[in-house]
Structures are given as structure tokens and as C-alpha cells.
Amino acid sequence: MQTPTYADIHNRYRELTTRTARQDNADGFLETHHIVDIARSLFLSSLLWMALAIIVYTVYSMVAGAR
């Protein structure tokens, strides 16, 4: 049984030891995970839920106050 030399191991696992062209041109974390868009959506969603809660509370107060 032959023992592989360092050159053979290096050639076989080149993608583990060096960066490939795909990795050099890859987008950053924020470009691939649209965190800013998600945070903006959560913020707008919470504003809409607060507006709905205020409207429901106002209508409930008016209906309860009329009785």
C-alpha cells in the first residue's frame, strides 16, 4: 500500500486549501441575507399591528361607552 505524498493530498483537496474563483467573486453576507429588508418589513408590520390595535380599541371604547 502506498502512502500519498503531500502533493497528492494537496491536489486532491485543493478547494479546502485555496480559494476558488467562485469564492473570490461571492457576494457578502448582507447581499445574500437581506437583513435590512427583513428588519424594515418587521418594523412596518409592527406599525400596522399597532394601528389595528388602536382602531379596535377606539371602536370598542365607543361601543362600550354608548351602552
Protein backbone atom coordinates (compact mmCIF):
# COMPACT_ATOMS: atom_id res chain seq x y z
CA MET A 1 0.00 0.00 0.00
CA GLN A 2 1.40 3.37 -0.96
CA THR A 3 1.29 6.38 1.31
CA PRO A 4 0.13 9.50 -0.56
CA THR A 5 2.57 12.36 -0.70
CA TYR A 6 1.74 15.88 0.37
CA ALA A 7 1.45 16.95 -3.29
CA ASP A 8 -1.21 14.32 -3.94
CA ILE A 9 -3.19 15.34 -0.89
CA HIS A 10 -2.84 18.99 -1.80
CA ASN A 11 -4.09 18.39 -5.35
CA ARG A 12 -6.98 16.25 -4.17
CA TYR A 13 -8.22 18.75 -1.59
CA ARG A 14 -7.29 21.98 -3.36
CA GLU A 15 -10.69 23.54 -2.69
CA LEU A 16 -10.07 23.19 1.04
CA THR A 17 -6.64 24.80 0.99
CA THR A 18 -7.11 27.60 -1.55
CA ARG A 19 -9.92 29.92 -2.50
CA THR A 20 -11.65 29.15 -5.77
CA ALA A 21 -12.74 31.76 -8.30
CA ARG A 22 -16.36 31.29 -7.21
CA GLN A 23 -15.49 32.18 -3.64
CA ASP A 24 -13.50 35.27 -4.66
CA ASN A 25 -16.45 36.76 -6.52
CA ALA A 26 -19.08 35.71 -4.00
CA ASP A 27 -21.44 38.29 -2.53
CA GLY A 28 -21.16 39.28 1.09
CA PHE A 29 -23.43 38.13 3.89
CA LEU A 30 -25.70 41.17 3.72
CA GLU A 31 -26.18 40.77 -0.04
CA THR A 32 -27.25 37.16 0.27
CA HIS A 33 -29.28 37.56 3.50
CA HIS A 34 -31.47 40.60 3.06
CA ILE A 35 -31.42 41.56 6.74
CA VAL A 36 -32.21 45.23 6.11
CA ASP A 37 -35.27 44.29 4.07
CA ILE A 38 -36.42 41.86 6.75
CA ALA A 39 -35.95 44.44 9.54
CA ARG A 40 -37.85 47.07 7.54
CA SER A 41 -40.68 44.60 6.92
CA LEU A 42 -40.87 43.72 10.62
CA PHE A 43 -40.93 47.41 11.55
CA LEU A 44 -43.71 48.22 9.07
CA SER A 45 -45.63 45.15 10.15
CA SER A 46 -45.46 46.21 13.80
CA LEU A 47 -46.66 49.69 12.87
CA LEU A 48 -49.65 48.20 11.09
CA TRP A 49 -50.44 45.92 14.05
CA MET A 50 -50.26 48.91 16.41
CA ALA A 51 -52.60 50.91 14.15
CA LEU A 52 -55.03 47.99 14.05
CA ALA A 53 -54.92 47.65 17.85
CA ILE A 54 -55.60 51.39 18.31
CA ILE A 55 -58.51 51.26 15.86
CA VAL A 56 -60.03 48.19 17.51
CA TYR A 57 -59.62 49.75 20.97
CA THR A 58 -61.20 53.00 19.80
CA VAL A 59 -64.19 51.24 18.26
CA TYR A 60 -64.57 49.04 21.34
CA SER A 61 -64.45 52.12 23.61
CA MET A 62 -67.09 53.87 21.53
CA VAL A 63 -69.37 50.82 21.53
CA ALA A 64 -68.88 50.18 25.27
CA GLY A 65 -69.37 53.88 26.07
CA ALA A 66 -72.64 54.04 24.14
CA ARG A 67 -74.28 51.49 26.41
